[in-house]
Amino acid sequence: MWHCNSTGVYSGVIANGNGDSSDESNIDNTWLRGIQETDSDGVAQFESLFPGHYTGRAAHIHLMAHANATLLANQTLGNDVYASHVGQAFFDQDLINAVDKISPYSENTQDMTLNTEDSILSEEADTEGVDPLMEYTLLGDSVEDGLFAWLAFGINTTESSKVTPAVFLYEEGGVANSASGGAGGSGGPPNGNPPDDLTSGVASDPSATATSASSTTALASETPSGASSTRRAKYGVAMLGQLLAVCIAVVFARIALA
């Protein structure tokens, strides 16, 4: 799982439109990127920060699931990465609007793209049986207290597609992948195509099997009308032949990175 910070910047990538592109040290950063093994029910949990937005894309989280992955000794999956699922998760517009009023989200100078204007959200929503919006509930009286958000989705465990990251992370630091078509990769600023290329890959091995995530993020601002009521989940978590239902839970707690 990976996403941008409160002002729409990704770690591990140097590209025009991704923060200060002259700051070459960002290629070594790994914040707001995580990977872990799911439990026997296909569930994984993360604690993170609510994502901001950048020009051309609505607020979203990138998700990748690896079925039958081999964890290497250095706790990575290696350079040669294959995935059973690559997708994105989104949030209710009222929630995004409420978070955007809170500092440092309110200091984001990039134009906000609404959910109704995001082509990837539209494509996912038009797919039969798919609801790309995360369910959520507030952890306190207002959005500043954080959120608990979750999403269940199905993957085909026999699917195995090659993933080309924009950057490999070695012990010595990040190295741009010349085969990715550019350091920015697709799925990140500035163009916002599908996510396959904006995974900062960990060069000798990241950990995980079929991925499901739970994350926590911290915010600040007033709760939008009705924001505390959760959206209805469409999927249960179960193994059905070659299909695995994965559940991602994310806690968005407390303060955000600028």
Protein backbone atom coordinates (compact mmCIF):
# COMPACT_ATOMS: atom_id res chain seq x y z
CA MET A 1 0.00 0.00 0.00
CA TRP A 2 1.31 3.49 -0.80
CA HIS A 3 0.00 7.01 -1.21
CA CYS A 4 1.02 10.68 -1.26
CA ASN A 5 1.28 12.96 1.78
CA SER A 6 -1.06 15.79 2.81
CA THR A 7 0.17 18.12 0.07
CA GLY A 8 0.16 15.55 -2.74
CA VAL A 9 3.80 14.42 -2.71
CA TYR A 10 5.03 10.80 -2.97
CA SER A 11 8.17 9.53 -1.27
CA GLY A 12 10.79 7.67 -3.28
CA VAL A 13 10.13 9.45 -6.59
CA ILE A 14 11.72 12.48 -8.25
CA ALA A 15 9.46 13.92 -10.96
CA ASN A 16 8.01 17.20 -12.14
CA GLY A 17 4.80 17.85 -10.21
CA ASN A 18 5.91 15.72 -7.26
CA GLY A 19 6.92 18.38 -4.74
CA ASP A 20 10.39 19.89 -5.09
CA SER A 21 11.84 17.92 -8.00
CA SER A 22 15.27 19.46 -7.31
CA ASP A 23 15.40 17.62 -3.96
CA GLU A 24 17.19 14.47 -5.06
CA SER A 25 17.16 13.06 -1.53
CA ASN A 26 13.46 12.19 -1.91
CA ILE A 27 14.43 9.12 -3.94
CA ASP A 28 15.72 7.55 -0.70
CA ASN A 29 12.50 8.19 1.26
CA THR A 30 9.98 5.43 2.03
CA TRP A 31 7.31 7.21 4.10
CA LEU A 32 3.67 6.31 3.46
CA ARG A 33 4.65 3.03 1.80
CA GLY A 34 4.02 -0.29 3.51
CA ILE A 35 3.77 -4.01 2.84
CA GLN A 36 2.82 -6.94 5.02
CA GLU A 37 1.47 -10.47 5.00
CA THR A 38 -2.27 -10.98 5.35
CA ASP A 39 -3.77 -13.30 7.94
CA SER A 40 -5.60 -16.54 7.10
CA ASP A 41 -8.76 -14.55 6.28
CA GLY A 42 -6.95 -12.32 3.78
CA VAL A 43 -6.85 -9.30 6.10
CA ALA A 44 -3.96 -6.88 6.66
CA GLN A 45 -3.90 -3.69 8.71
CA PHE A 46 -1.89 -0.48 8.34
CA GLU A 47 -1.58 2.77 10.26
CA SER A 48 -1.04 5.75 7.99
CA LEU A 49 -2.01 9.36 7.20
CA PHE A 50 -4.99 10.43 5.12
CA PRO A 51 -3.76 11.09 1.56
CA GLY A 52 -3.82 14.57 0.08
CA HIS A 53 -4.44 15.32 -3.59
CA TYR A 54 -2.41 16.40 -6.59
CA THR A 55 -3.34 17.92 -9.94
CA GLY A 56 -5.39 15.59 -12.12
CA ARG A 57 -6.23 12.98 -9.48
CA ALA A 58 -8.77 12.64 -6.70
CA ALA A 59 -7.46 11.57 -3.27
CA HIS A 60 -6.63 7.86 -3.42
CA ILE A 61 -4.51 5.00 -2.08
CA HIS A 62 -2.60 2.53 -4.25
CA LEU A 63 -3.04 -1.17 -3.47
CA MET A 64 -1.04 -4.17 -4.68
CA ALA A 65 -1.53 -7.83 -3.75
CA HIS A 66 1.05 -10.60 -4.20
CA ALA A 67 -0.29 -14.17 -4.03
CA ASN A 68 2.12 -16.99 -3.15
CA ALA A 69 5.01 -14.56 -2.76
CA THR A 70 8.37 -15.66 -1.37
CA LEU A 71 9.77 -13.54 1.45
CA LEU A 72 13.54 -13.21 1.16
CA ALA A 73 15.98 -13.04 4.04
CA ASN A 74 16.15 -9.24 3.94
CA GLN A 75 12.36 -9.00 4.36
CA THR A 76 11.65 -8.00 0.75
CA LEU A 77 10.22 -9.71 -2.35
CA GLY A 78 13.19 -8.84 -4.55
CA ASN A 79 13.60 -6.90 -7.80
CA ASP A 80 11.56 -9.25 -9.98
CA VAL A 81 8.07 -8.34 -8.78
CA TYR A 82 4.80 -9.91 -9.91
CA ALA A 83 1.34 -9.05 -8.57
CA SER A 84 -2.09 -10.67 -8.54
CA HIS A 85 -3.80 -7.31 -8.16
CA VAL A 86 -2.92 -3.64 -8.70
CA GLY A 87 -5.61 -1.08 -7.96
CA GLN A 88 -6.63 2.09 -6.16
CA ALA A 89 -9.03 2.91 -3.33
CA PHE A 90 -10.93 6.19 -2.95
CA PHE A 91 -12.91 8.16 -0.36
CA ASP A 92 -16.29 9.90 -0.13
CA GLN A 93 -16.08 13.46 -1.46
CA ASP A 94 -17.61 14.94 1.72
CA LEU A 95 -14.81 13.37 3.76
CA ILE A 96 -12.14 14.67 1.38
CA ASN A 97 -13.64 18.17 1.56
CA ALA A 98 -13.61 18.10 5.37
CA VAL A 99 -9.99 16.96 5.52
CA ASP A 100 -8.98 19.63 3.00
CA LYS A 101 -9.98 22.34 5.50
CA ILE A 102 -7.38 21.13 8.00
CA SER A 103 -3.73 22.19 8.10
CA PRO A 104 -1.48 21.05 6.46
CA TYR A 105 -4.01 19.79 3.88
CA SER A 106 -5.36 23.33 3.53
CA GLU A 107 -1.88 24.50 2.51
CA ASN A 108 -1.90 22.27 -0.59
CA THR A 109 -1.73 24.65 -3.58
CA GLN A 110 -2.48 21.99 -6.20
CA ASP A 111 -5.90 22.03 -7.83
CA MET A 112 -8.34 19.52 -6.34
CA THR A 113 -9.78 16.96 -8.73
CA LEU A 114 -13.22 15.78 -7.61
CA ASN A 115 -14.23 12.12 -7.51
CA THR A 116 -16.62 12.80 -10.38
CA GLU A 117 -13.68 14.02 -12.48
CA ASP A 118 -11.27 11.14 -11.81
CA SER A 119 -11.08 8.75 -14.77
CA ILE A 120 -9.60 5.84 -12.80
CA LEU A 121 -12.30 6.07 -10.13
CA SER A 122 -14.91 6.17 -12.89
CA GLU A 123 -13.42 3.09 -14.56
CA GLU A 124 -13.36 1.11 -11.31
CA ALA A 125 -16.89 2.18 -10.35
CA ASP A 126 -18.18 1.09 -13.77
CA THR A 127 -16.85 -2.44 -13.21
CA GLU A 128 -19.62 -4.82 -12.16
CA GLY A 129 -19.45 -5.77 -8.48
CA VAL A 130 -16.73 -3.23 -7.63
CA ASP A 131 -17.12 -0.40 -5.11
CA PRO A 132 -13.78 1.49 -4.97
CA LEU A 133 -14.80 3.80 -2.09
CA MET A 134 -13.51 2.89 1.35
CA GLU A 135 -15.94 2.42 4.22
CA TYR A 136 -14.99 4.51 7.26
CA THR A 137 -15.92 5.59 10.74
CA LEU A 138 -14.55 8.39 12.91
CA LEU A 139 -12.31 7.47 15.85
CA GLY A 140 -13.63 10.42 17.88
CA ASP A 141 -16.01 13.35 17.73
CA SER A 142 -14.43 14.97 14.69
CA VAL A 143 -12.24 14.14 11.74
CA GLU A 144 -9.20 15.56 13.61
CA ASP A 145 -9.35 12.52 15.89
CA GLY A 146 -8.64 10.19 12.98
CA LEU A 147 -10.51 7.55 10.99
CA PHE A 148 -10.78 3.81 10.69
CA ALA A 149 -11.31 2.89 7.05
CA TRP A 150 -11.64 -0.46 5.31
CA LEU A 151 -12.22 -2.01 1.91
CA ALA A 152 -12.83 -5.60 0.81
CA PHE A 153 -12.06 -6.70 -2.74
CA GLY A 154 -11.51 -9.91 -4.66
CA ILE A 155 -8.35 -11.05 -6.42
CA ASN A 156 -7.61 -13.98 -8.72
CA THR A 157 -4.78 -15.85 -6.98
CA THR A 158 -3.71 -17.45 -10.28
CA GLU A 159 -3.12 -14.03 -11.86
CA SER A 160 0.53 -12.98 -12.00
CA SER A 161 1.43 -9.77 -13.83
CA LYS A 162 4.86 -8.18 -14.08
CA VAL A 163 5.13 -4.91 -12.13
CA THR A 164 7.63 -2.25 -13.22
CA PRO A 165 8.52 0.14 -10.38
CA ALA A 166 9.81 3.66 -10.97
CA VAL A 167 12.54 3.21 -8.36
CA PHE A 168 14.38 0.35 -6.67
CA LEU A 169 15.44 0.85 -3.05
CA TYR A 170 18.75 -0.72 -2.12
CA GLU A 171 20.58 -0.61 1.20
CA GLU A 172 22.60 2.31 -0.19
CA GLY A 173 19.49 4.25 -1.29
CA GLY A 174 17.03 4.63 -4.15
CA VAL A 175 17.94 4.05 -7.80
CA ALA A 176 15.66 5.12 -10.68
CA ASN A 177 14.50 2.25 -12.89
CA SER A 178 15.47 3.08 -16.48
CA ALA A 179 12.86 0.59 -17.75
CA SER A 180 9.95 2.37 -16.09
CA GLY A 181 9.55 5.09 -18.71
CA GLY A 182 10.46 7.94 -16.39
CA ALA A 183 11.17 8.53 -12.74
CA GLY A 184 7.63 9.66 -12.07
CA GLY A 185 6.08 6.55 -13.47
CA SER A 186 2.39 6.26 -14.17
CA GLY A 187 -0.07 6.49 -11.33
CA GLY A 188 1.65 9.44 -9.71
CA PRO A 189 2.13 13.08 -10.46
CA PRO A 190 1.67 14.65 -12.83
CA ASN A 191 -0.39 12.49 -15.19
CA GLY A 192 -2.23 10.06 -12.90
CA ASN A 193 -2.42 6.86 -14.93
CA PRO A 194 -2.84 3.43 -13.26
CA PRO A 195 -0.47 2.69 -10.43
CA ASP A 196 1.87 0.00 -11.66
CA ASP A 197 4.89 2.24 -12.10
CA LEU A 198 4.82 4.32 -8.95
CA THR A 199 5.67 1.55 -6.54
CA SER A 200 9.10 2.37 -5.20
CA GLY A 201 10.27 -1.25 -5.33
CA VAL A 202 12.65 -2.55 -2.70
CA ALA A 203 15.54 -4.05 -4.54
CA SER A 204 16.29 -7.25 -3.01
CA ASP A 205 13.00 -8.11 -1.54
CA PRO A 206 9.76 -6.55 0.04
CA SER A 207 7.48 -8.82 2.18
CA ALA A 208 3.96 -10.13 1.68
CA THR A 209 1.48 -12.56 0.28
CA ALA A 210 -2.03 -11.63 -0.84
CA THR A 211 -2.34 -8.12 0.52
CA SER A 212 -5.20 -6.62 2.47
CA ALA A 213 -4.69 -3.44 4.38
CA SER A 214 -5.90 -1.66 7.44
CA SER A 215 -4.65 1.86 8.02
CA THR A 216 -5.00 4.73 10.46
CA THR A 217 -4.69 8.40 9.53
CA ALA A 218 -4.82 11.64 11.46
CA LEU A 219 -6.62 14.75 10.32
CA ALA A 220 -7.92 18.05 11.51
CA SER A 221 -11.26 19.81 10.90
CA GLU A 222 -14.95 19.43 11.30
CA THR A 223 -16.78 16.28 10.41
CA PRO A 224 -18.91 16.67 7.30
CA SER A 225 -22.61 16.08 7.62
CA GLY A 226 -23.17 12.35 7.81
CA ALA A 227 -19.45 11.56 7.69
CA SER A 228 -19.58 9.37 10.76
CA SER A 229 -22.01 6.97 9.13
CA THR A 230 -20.12 4.25 7.29
CA ARG A 231 -20.72 3.09 3.75
CA ARG A 232 -21.96 -0.47 3.38
CA ALA A 233 -19.37 -3.09 2.53
CA LYS A 234 -20.18 -5.20 -0.51
CA TYR A 235 -17.85 -8.12 0.12
CA GLY A 236 -17.19 -10.65 2.81
CA VAL A 237 -13.78 -12.23 3.33
CA ALA A 238 -13.55 -15.79 2.10
CA MET A 239 -11.61 -18.10 -0.17
CA LEU A 240 -13.72 -19.10 -3.20
CA GLY A 241 -11.79 -21.45 -5.46
CA GLN A 242 -9.13 -19.34 -7.15
CA LEU A 243 -10.67 -16.10 -5.95
CA LEU A 244 -9.54 -14.61 -2.66
CA ALA A 245 -11.48 -11.82 -1.00
CA VAL A 246 -9.00 -9.44 0.56
CA CYS A 247 -9.88 -6.92 3.25
CA ILE A 248 -7.85 -3.77 3.78
CA ALA A 249 -8.20 -1.84 7.02
CA VAL A 250 -6.47 1.50 7.44
CA VAL A 251 -6.28 3.72 10.48
CA PHE A 252 -5.67 7.34 9.64
CA ALA A 253 -4.60 8.89 12.92
CA ARG A 254 -3.41 12.23 14.23
CA ILE A 255 -1.19 14.64 12.37
CA ALA A 256 -0.17 14.55 8.72
CA LEU A 257 3.19 15.00 7.05
CA ALA A 258 3.48 18.29 5.20
